[in-house]
Amino acid sequence: MVKCLLSALLITTVARADEGRFLTLTTPLGKTNTVQIPDSAVVEVVTLSPVASGLSGAQLWVLKDDLEFYLNKSEFIQGPCALKLTTKAGWGFCTLRLLSSTTAPDKTIVIPAGQGAAVTLQCSSNLVDWVTTTNGTYANVPSMKFFRIYSEKLP
C-alpha cells in the first residue's frame, strides 16, 4: 500500500505558503529525483528522511559550480544549482522551502531625500510585544525569537 502511494508521488509536489514555496521530492531505492534551483532562489532543507520505518540513507546532493556535496536538514543553499535526492536503503523523501533571494519593494524601508527616520531593530518572542534590540549574534536562545526593522518618520 505504501509503495503504491509513494510511486504516485515520485514526481515533485509543490504547494504555496506565505513564507515561500514548499517542494517535496520522493525517490525509491536505486532511483534519483533531481530538481533545478534558479539563481533567484534560496533553498532550505526542511525535512530529509526515509519513508519506511528503520531504513536510513536518504541524501540530498547539491551540484553547484562543478562541485558535488550534500545538504542536511536546516541547511540553506543559494541557486543556481541542482538538488538530487538519493537513498541507500528503501524509499526516501525531503521537503524543501524555496525563498526568493531578491528583496521585495514592499518589504523595504525607503527614506526619501530631504526627510529622515529613526530606524531600529526590534525583537519579540510572541509577535505581539516588541522591544528594541541590537545587531549581533544570538546563540542558544531560551525561546524562539522574531526580528523586524521598525522605522518612525522624524518630524
N, C-alpha and C. Protein backbone atom coordinates (compact mmCIF):
# COMPACT_ATOMS: atom_id res chain seq x y z
N MET A 1 0.83 -1.20 0.00
CA MET A 1 0.00 0.00 0.00
C MET A 1 0.86 1.25 0.00
N VAL A 2 1.89 1.29 0.85
CA VAL A 2 2.76 2.47 0.93
C VAL A 2 3.50 2.67 -0.38
N LYS A 3 4.00 1.58 -1.00
CA LYS A 3 4.75 1.70 -2.24
C LYS A 3 3.88 2.28 -3.36
N CYS A 4 2.60 1.90 -3.42
CA CYS A 4 1.71 2.43 -4.45
C CYS A 4 1.50 3.93 -4.26
N LEU A 5 1.30 4.34 -3.03
CA LEU A 5 1.09 5.76 -2.75
C LEU A 5 2.33 6.56 -3.07
N LEU A 6 3.50 6.07 -2.68
CA LEU A 6 4.74 6.80 -2.91
C LEU A 6 5.12 6.85 -4.37
N SER A 7 4.84 5.79 -5.12
CA SER A 7 5.19 5.83 -6.53
C SER A 7 4.38 6.89 -7.26
N ALA A 8 3.19 7.19 -6.78
CA ALA A 8 2.40 8.28 -7.37
C ALA A 8 3.01 9.63 -7.05
N LEU A 9 3.79 9.69 -5.96
CA LEU A 9 4.42 10.95 -5.55
C LEU A 9 5.85 11.08 -6.03
N LEU A 10 6.33 10.17 -6.85
CA LEU A 10 7.72 10.19 -7.29
C LEU A 10 8.07 11.50 -7.98
N ILE A 11 7.15 12.05 -8.70
CA ILE A 11 7.37 13.35 -9.32
C ILE A 11 7.15 14.42 -8.25
N THR A 12 7.76 15.56 -8.45
CA THR A 12 7.75 16.64 -7.47
C THR A 12 6.35 17.17 -7.19
N THR A 13 6.07 17.43 -5.91
CA THR A 13 4.82 18.03 -5.46
C THR A 13 5.13 19.43 -4.95
N VAL A 14 4.34 20.43 -5.35
CA VAL A 14 4.60 21.81 -4.95
C VAL A 14 3.36 22.39 -4.28
N ALA A 15 3.54 23.13 -3.18
CA ALA A 15 2.46 23.85 -2.51
C ALA A 15 2.94 25.25 -2.18
N ARG A 16 2.03 26.20 -2.08
CA ARG A 16 2.40 27.58 -1.78
C ARG A 16 2.12 27.89 -0.33
N ALA A 17 2.96 28.78 0.23
CA ALA A 17 2.78 29.27 1.59
C ALA A 17 3.31 30.69 1.63
N ASP A 18 2.92 31.45 2.63
CA ASP A 18 3.36 32.84 2.75
C ASP A 18 4.87 32.96 2.88
N GLU A 19 5.53 31.99 3.49
CA GLU A 19 6.95 32.07 3.73
C GLU A 19 7.77 31.50 2.58
N GLY A 20 7.21 31.26 1.46
CA GLY A 20 7.91 30.67 0.34
C GLY A 20 7.12 29.50 -0.21
N ARG A 21 7.71 28.84 -1.18
CA ARG A 21 7.08 27.66 -1.76
C ARG A 21 7.72 26.43 -1.13
N PHE A 22 6.93 25.42 -0.91
CA PHE A 22 7.44 24.16 -0.39
C PHE A 22 7.44 23.14 -1.51
N LEU A 23 8.50 22.38 -1.57
CA LEU A 23 8.71 21.41 -2.62
C LEU A 23 9.08 20.09 -1.96
N THR A 24 8.38 19.01 -2.30
CA THR A 24 8.69 17.69 -1.74
C THR A 24 9.17 16.78 -2.85
N LEU A 25 10.34 16.18 -2.64
CA LEU A 25 10.90 15.20 -3.56
C LEU A 25 10.80 13.82 -2.92
N THR A 26 10.48 12.80 -3.70
CA THR A 26 10.46 11.43 -3.21
C THR A 26 11.25 10.57 -4.18
N THR A 27 11.79 9.46 -3.68
CA THR A 27 12.51 8.53 -4.56
C THR A 27 12.60 7.15 -3.92
N PRO A 28 12.47 6.09 -4.73
CA PRO A 28 12.66 4.74 -4.22
C PRO A 28 14.14 4.35 -4.31
N LEU A 29 14.48 3.23 -3.70
CA LEU A 29 15.84 2.70 -3.73
C LEU A 29 16.31 2.54 -5.18
N GLY A 30 17.51 2.98 -5.44
CA GLY A 30 18.10 2.82 -6.77
C GLY A 30 17.70 3.89 -7.77
N LYS A 31 16.86 4.82 -7.37
CA LYS A 31 16.43 5.90 -8.27
C LYS A 31 16.89 7.23 -7.69
N THR A 32 16.85 8.26 -8.50
CA THR A 32 17.14 9.62 -8.03
C THR A 32 16.03 10.54 -8.52
N ASN A 33 15.89 11.65 -7.83
CA ASN A 33 14.95 12.68 -8.24
C ASN A 33 15.72 13.99 -8.18
N THR A 34 15.78 14.70 -9.29
CA THR A 34 16.59 15.92 -9.39
C THR A 34 15.70 17.10 -9.71
N VAL A 35 16.02 18.25 -9.09
CA VAL A 35 15.31 19.49 -9.36
C VAL A 35 16.34 20.60 -9.56
N GLN A 36 16.07 21.49 -10.51
CA GLN A 36 16.95 22.63 -10.79
C GLN A 36 16.48 23.83 -9.96
N ILE A 37 17.40 24.50 -9.29
CA ILE A 37 17.10 25.68 -8.49
C ILE A 37 17.66 26.90 -9.21
N PRO A 38 16.83 27.89 -9.53
CA PRO A 38 17.32 29.07 -10.26
C PRO A 38 18.17 29.98 -9.37
N ASP A 39 18.90 30.89 -10.00
CA ASP A 39 19.76 31.80 -9.23
C ASP A 39 18.96 32.80 -8.40
N SER A 40 17.67 32.91 -8.64
CA SER A 40 16.83 33.84 -7.88
C SER A 40 16.25 33.21 -6.62
N ALA A 41 16.69 31.99 -6.27
CA ALA A 41 16.10 31.29 -5.13
C ALA A 41 17.15 30.87 -4.11
N VAL A 42 16.72 30.83 -2.86
CA VAL A 42 17.47 30.24 -1.76
C VAL A 42 16.64 29.06 -1.28
N VAL A 43 17.30 27.93 -0.99
CA VAL A 43 16.59 26.73 -0.58
C VAL A 43 17.00 26.34 0.83
N GLU A 44 16.00 26.01 1.66
CA GLU A 44 16.23 25.46 2.99
C GLU A 44 15.74 24.02 3.01
N VAL A 45 16.52 23.11 3.58
CA VAL A 45 16.09 21.72 3.74
C VAL A 45 15.25 21.64 5.01
N VAL A 46 13.95 21.39 4.86
CA VAL A 46 13.02 21.34 6.00
C VAL A 46 13.00 19.93 6.59
N THR A 47 12.86 18.90 5.74
CA THR A 47 12.90 17.52 6.20
C THR A 47 13.77 16.73 5.25
N LEU A 48 14.39 15.69 5.78
CA LEU A 48 15.18 14.78 4.96
C LEU A 48 15.14 13.44 5.68
N SER A 49 14.28 12.54 5.20
CA SER A 49 14.06 11.29 5.92
C SER A 49 13.73 10.14 4.99
N PRO A 50 13.97 8.92 5.47
CA PRO A 50 13.45 7.76 4.75
C PRO A 50 11.98 7.60 5.09
N VAL A 51 11.20 7.02 4.20
CA VAL A 51 9.78 6.82 4.45
C VAL A 51 9.54 5.55 5.27
N ALA A 52 10.19 4.46 4.92
CA ALA A 52 9.95 3.18 5.61
C ALA A 52 10.65 3.18 6.96
N SER A 53 9.95 2.72 7.98
CA SER A 53 10.49 2.68 9.33
C SER A 53 11.75 1.82 9.40
N GLY A 54 12.78 2.33 10.05
CA GLY A 54 14.01 1.58 10.24
C GLY A 54 15.00 1.69 9.11
N LEU A 55 14.63 2.32 8.00
CA LEU A 55 15.55 2.47 6.88
C LEU A 55 16.21 3.85 6.93
N SER A 56 17.45 3.91 6.51
CA SER A 56 18.15 5.19 6.53
C SER A 56 18.96 5.33 5.26
N GLY A 57 19.54 6.49 5.09
CA GLY A 57 20.42 6.68 3.97
C GLY A 57 19.95 7.67 2.93
N ALA A 58 18.85 8.40 3.15
CA ALA A 58 18.43 9.42 2.19
C ALA A 58 19.45 10.54 2.21
N GLN A 59 19.93 10.94 1.04
CA GLN A 59 20.88 12.04 0.94
C GLN A 59 20.41 13.02 -0.12
N LEU A 60 20.60 14.30 0.17
CA LEU A 60 20.27 15.35 -0.78
C LEU A 60 21.57 15.95 -1.28
N TRP A 61 21.92 15.63 -2.52
CA TRP A 61 23.17 16.09 -3.11
C TRP A 61 22.97 17.41 -3.83
N VAL A 62 23.97 18.28 -3.74
CA VAL A 62 23.98 19.56 -4.43
C VAL A 62 25.01 19.49 -5.54
N LEU A 63 24.64 19.91 -6.73
CA LEU A 63 25.55 20.04 -7.85
C LEU A 63 25.66 21.53 -8.15
N LYS A 64 26.80 22.15 -7.77
CA LYS A 64 26.95 23.60 -7.90
C LYS A 64 28.42 23.93 -8.19
N ASP A 65 28.64 24.77 -9.19
CA ASP A 65 29.99 25.25 -9.52
C ASP A 65 30.99 24.10 -9.68
N ASP A 66 30.60 23.06 -10.40
CA ASP A 66 31.44 21.88 -10.64
C ASP A 66 31.80 21.12 -9.38
N LEU A 67 31.06 21.32 -8.30
CA LEU A 67 31.26 20.58 -7.06
C LEU A 67 30.02 19.74 -6.77
N GLU A 68 30.20 18.66 -6.02
CA GLU A 68 29.08 17.83 -5.59
C GLU A 68 29.24 17.57 -4.09
N PHE A 69 28.22 17.95 -3.32
CA PHE A 69 28.24 17.77 -1.87
C PHE A 69 26.81 17.60 -1.41
N TYR A 70 26.60 17.22 -0.13
CA TYR A 70 25.22 17.02 0.31
C TYR A 70 24.83 18.00 1.39
N LEU A 71 23.51 18.23 1.47
CA LEU A 71 22.92 19.13 2.45
C LEU A 71 22.21 18.31 3.51
N ASN A 72 22.19 18.83 4.72
CA ASN A 72 21.46 18.23 5.83
C ASN A 72 20.24 19.07 6.16
N LYS A 73 19.39 18.55 7.02
CA LYS A 73 18.21 19.29 7.49
C LYS A 73 18.64 20.61 8.10
N SER A 74 17.87 21.67 7.84
CA SER A 74 18.07 23.03 8.35
C SER A 74 19.24 23.75 7.71
N GLU A 75 19.79 23.24 6.61
CA GLU A 75 20.85 23.95 5.90
C GLU A 75 20.25 24.67 4.69
N PHE A 76 20.95 25.71 4.23
CA PHE A 76 20.50 26.56 3.13
C PHE A 76 21.51 26.52 1.99
N ILE A 77 21.03 26.79 0.77
CA ILE A 77 21.91 26.97 -0.38
C ILE A 77 21.27 27.97 -1.33
N GLN A 78 22.10 28.80 -1.94
CA GLN A 78 21.66 29.79 -2.93
C GLN A 78 21.80 29.18 -4.31
N GLY A 79 20.79 29.34 -5.17
CA GLY A 79 20.89 28.88 -6.54
C GLY A 79 21.85 29.76 -7.32
N PRO A 80 22.22 29.43 -8.53
CA PRO A 80 21.73 28.28 -9.28
C PRO A 80 22.46 27.00 -8.86
N CYS A 81 21.71 25.91 -8.85
CA CYS A 81 22.27 24.60 -8.55
C CYS A 81 21.23 23.54 -8.89
N ALA A 82 21.66 22.30 -8.83
CA ALA A 82 20.74 21.18 -8.97
C ALA A 82 20.76 20.42 -7.65
N LEU A 83 19.60 19.97 -7.19
CA LEU A 83 19.49 19.15 -5.98
C LEU A 83 19.04 17.76 -6.41
N LYS A 84 19.74 16.75 -5.91
CA LYS A 84 19.47 15.36 -6.31
C LYS A 84 19.24 14.52 -5.06
N LEU A 85 18.06 13.94 -4.93
CA LEU A 85 17.72 13.07 -3.81
C LEU A 85 18.04 11.63 -4.17
N THR A 86 18.82 10.96 -3.30
CA THR A 86 19.15 9.54 -3.49
C THR A 86 18.93 8.81 -2.16
N THR A 87 18.82 7.49 -2.21
CA THR A 87 18.71 6.69 -0.98
C THR A 87 19.65 5.51 -1.06
N LYS A 88 20.12 5.09 0.11
CA LYS A 88 20.96 3.89 0.20
C LYS A 88 20.11 2.68 0.55
N ALA A 89 18.94 2.91 1.15
CA ALA A 89 18.06 1.82 1.53
C ALA A 89 16.62 2.32 1.57
N GLY A 90 15.71 1.63 0.91
CA GLY A 90 14.29 1.97 0.98
C GLY A 90 13.94 3.25 0.23
N TRP A 91 12.76 3.74 0.53
CA TRP A 91 12.23 4.97 -0.05
C TRP A 91 12.71 6.16 0.76
N GLY A 92 12.90 7.30 0.11
CA GLY A 92 13.29 8.50 0.83
C GLY A 92 12.51 9.70 0.34
N PHE A 93 12.44 10.72 1.18
CA PHE A 93 11.81 11.97 0.76
C PHE A 93 12.48 13.14 1.45
N CYS A 94 12.32 14.31 0.86
CA CYS A 94 12.77 15.53 1.51
C CYS A 94 11.79 16.64 1.15
N THR A 95 11.66 17.59 2.04
CA THR A 95 10.84 18.76 1.79
C THR A 95 11.76 19.97 1.83
N LEU A 96 11.64 20.81 0.82
CA LEU A 96 12.47 21.99 0.68
C LEU A 96 11.59 23.23 0.74
N ARG A 97 12.13 24.31 1.28
CA ARG A 97 11.43 25.59 1.25
C ARG A 97 12.23 26.49 0.33
N LEU A 98 11.56 26.99 -0.74
CA LEU A 98 12.21 27.87 -1.70
C LEU A 98 11.84 29.31 -1.38
N LEU A 99 12.86 30.12 -1.17
CA LEU A 99 12.67 31.53 -0.86
C LEU A 99 13.27 32.38 -1.97
N SER A 100 12.70 33.52 -2.21
CA SER A 100 13.25 34.43 -3.20
C SER A 100 14.48 35.11 -2.61
N SER A 101 15.53 35.22 -3.40
CA SER A 101 16.74 35.89 -2.91
C SER A 101 16.73 37.37 -3.23
N THR A 102 15.68 37.84 -3.88
CA THR A 102 15.57 39.27 -4.16
C THR A 102 14.69 39.92 -3.10
N THR A 103 14.95 41.16 -2.81
CA THR A 103 14.19 41.89 -1.81
C THR A 103 12.97 42.52 -2.46
N ALA A 104 11.81 42.22 -1.94
CA ALA A 104 10.58 42.78 -2.49
C ALA A 104 10.46 44.25 -2.10
N PRO A 105 10.03 45.11 -3.02
CA PRO A 105 9.90 46.53 -2.72
C PRO A 105 8.97 46.83 -1.54
N ASP A 106 7.95 46.00 -1.32
CA ASP A 106 7.03 46.24 -0.21
C ASP A 106 7.59 45.75 1.13
N LYS A 107 8.79 45.19 1.13
CA LYS A 107 9.42 44.71 2.36
C LYS A 107 10.68 45.53 2.68
N THR A 108 10.77 46.74 2.17
CA THR A 108 11.93 47.59 2.39
C THR A 108 11.50 48.90 3.04
N ILE A 109 12.46 49.55 3.67
CA ILE A 109 12.22 50.89 4.23
C ILE A 109 12.93 51.88 3.33
N VAL A 110 12.19 52.86 2.83
CA VAL A 110 12.76 53.89 1.98
C VAL A 110 12.62 55.23 2.68
N ILE A 111 13.73 55.94 2.79
CA ILE A 111 13.70 57.29 3.37
C ILE A 111 13.94 58.25 2.21
N PRO A 112 12.91 59.01 1.83
CA PRO A 112 13.05 59.93 0.69
C PRO A 112 14.09 61.03 0.96
N ALA A 113 14.67 61.55 -0.10
CA ALA A 113 15.64 62.64 0.01
C ALA A 113 15.01 63.82 0.73
N GLY A 114 15.77 64.43 1.63
CA GLY A 114 15.28 65.59 2.37
C GLY A 114 14.45 65.24 3.60
N GLN A 115 14.22 63.96 3.86
CA GLN A 115 13.45 63.54 5.02
C GLN A 115 14.32 62.65 5.91
N GLY A 116 13.80 62.26 7.06
CA GLY A 116 14.56 61.41 7.97
C GLY A 116 13.67 60.45 8.71
N ALA A 117 14.28 59.46 9.31
CA ALA A 117 13.54 58.47 10.08
C ALA A 117 14.46 57.85 11.13
N ALA A 118 13.87 57.45 12.25
CA ALA A 118 14.57 56.67 13.26
C ALA A 118 14.32 55.21 12.91
N VAL A 119 15.40 54.46 12.65
CA VAL A 119 15.28 53.06 12.25
C VAL A 119 15.87 52.19 13.36
N THR A 120 15.10 51.22 13.85
CA THR A 120 15.56 50.35 14.92
C THR A 120 15.27 48.89 14.61
N LEU A 121 16.10 48.03 15.15
CA LEU A 121 15.88 46.60 15.08
C LEU A 121 15.09 46.21 16.32
N GLN A 122 14.03 45.44 16.13
CA GLN A 122 13.19 45.03 17.27
C GLN A 122 13.12 43.50 17.33
N CYS A 123 12.87 43.00 18.54
CA CYS A 123 12.81 41.56 18.79
C CYS A 123 11.55 41.24 19.59
N SER A 124 10.99 40.06 19.35
CA SER A 124 9.80 39.60 20.07
C SER A 124 9.88 38.08 20.22
N SER A 125 9.24 37.59 21.26
CA SER A 125 9.13 36.14 21.42
C SER A 125 7.71 35.66 21.13
N ASN A 126 6.77 36.64 20.89
CA ASN A 126 5.37 36.25 20.68
C ASN A 126 4.69 37.00 19.53
N LEU A 127 5.42 37.82 18.80
CA LEU A 127 4.92 38.62 17.68
C LEU A 127 3.90 39.68 18.10
N VAL A 128 3.77 39.91 19.41
CA VAL A 128 2.86 40.94 19.93
C VAL A 128 3.65 42.03 20.63
N ASP A 129 4.49 41.63 21.56
CA ASP A 129 5.30 42.57 22.34
C ASP A 129 6.69 42.69 21.71
N TRP A 130 7.03 43.90 21.26
CA TRP A 130 8.30 44.15 20.58
C TRP A 130 9.18 45.07 21.42
N VAL A 131 10.47 44.76 21.48
CA VAL A 131 11.43 45.60 22.20
C VAL A 131 12.60 45.90 21.27
N THR A 132 13.20 47.08 21.45
CA THR A 132 14.37 47.46 20.67
C THR A 132 15.54 46.58 21.10
N THR A 133 16.30 46.12 20.12
CA THR A 133 17.46 45.26 20.40
C THR A 133 18.64 45.74 19.56
N THR A 134 19.74 45.06 19.66
CA THR A 134 20.94 45.46 18.92
C THR A 134 21.28 44.42 17.88
N ASN A 135 22.00 44.87 16.87
CA ASN A 135 22.56 43.98 15.88
C ASN A 135 23.54 43.04 16.57
N GLY A 136 23.62 41.81 16.20
CA GLY A 136 24.59 40.93 16.82
C GLY A 136 24.30 39.48 16.57
N THR A 137 24.99 38.64 17.31
CA THR A 137 24.82 37.19 17.23
C THR A 137 23.95 36.73 18.37
N TYR A 138 22.94 35.95 18.05
CA TYR A 138 22.04 35.40 19.07
C TYR A 138 22.20 33.88 19.04
N ALA A 139 22.88 33.34 20.06
CA ALA A 139 23.13 31.90 20.11
C ALA A 139 22.50 31.31 21.37
N ASN A 140 22.06 30.08 21.28
CA ASN A 140 21.48 29.36 22.42
C ASN A 140 20.37 30.15 23.10
N VAL A 141 19.47 30.71 22.31
CA VAL A 141 18.37 31.48 22.87
C VAL A 141 17.40 30.55 23.60
N PRO A 142 16.83 30.98 24.73
CA PRO A 142 15.95 30.11 25.50
C PRO A 142 14.59 29.87 24.85
N SER A 143 14.17 30.79 23.97
CA SER A 143 12.89 30.61 23.26
C SER A 143 13.04 31.21 21.87
N MET A 144 12.06 30.92 21.01
CA MET A 144 12.09 31.41 19.65
C MET A 144 12.12 32.95 19.64
N LYS A 145 12.89 33.52 18.74
CA LYS A 145 12.99 34.98 18.61
C LYS A 145 12.56 35.39 17.20
N PHE A 146 11.79 36.47 17.12
CA PHE A 146 11.37 37.06 15.87
C PHE A 146 12.00 38.45 15.79
N PHE A 147 12.42 38.86 14.60
CA PHE A 147 13.05 40.17 14.43
C PHE A 147 12.32 40.95 13.34
N ARG A 148 12.30 42.27 13.52
CA ARG A 148 11.76 43.15 12.49
C ARG A 148 12.54 44.45 12.52
N ILE A 149 12.49 45.17 11.41
CA ILE A 149 13.07 46.51 11.37
C ILE A 149 11.90 47.49 11.41
N TYR A 150 11.99 48.43 12.33
CA TYR A 150 10.92 49.39 12.55
C TYR A 150 11.44 50.79 12.23
N SER A 151 10.63 51.59 11.56
CA SER A 151 11.04 52.97 11.27
C SER A 151 9.93 53.93 11.69
N GLU A 152 10.38 55.08 12.16
CA GLU A 152 9.45 56.14 12.56
C GLU A 152 9.93 57.43 11.93
N LYS A 153 9.05 58.07 11.20
CA LYS A 153 9.39 59.31 10.49
C LYS A 153 9.75 60.39 11.50
N LEU A 154 10.84 61.10 11.20
CA LEU A 154 11.24 62.21 12.05
C LEU A 154 10.41 63.44 11.68
N PRO A 155 10.11 64.29 12.69
CA PRO A 155 9.30 65.49 12.40
C PRO A 155 10.02 66.48 11.52
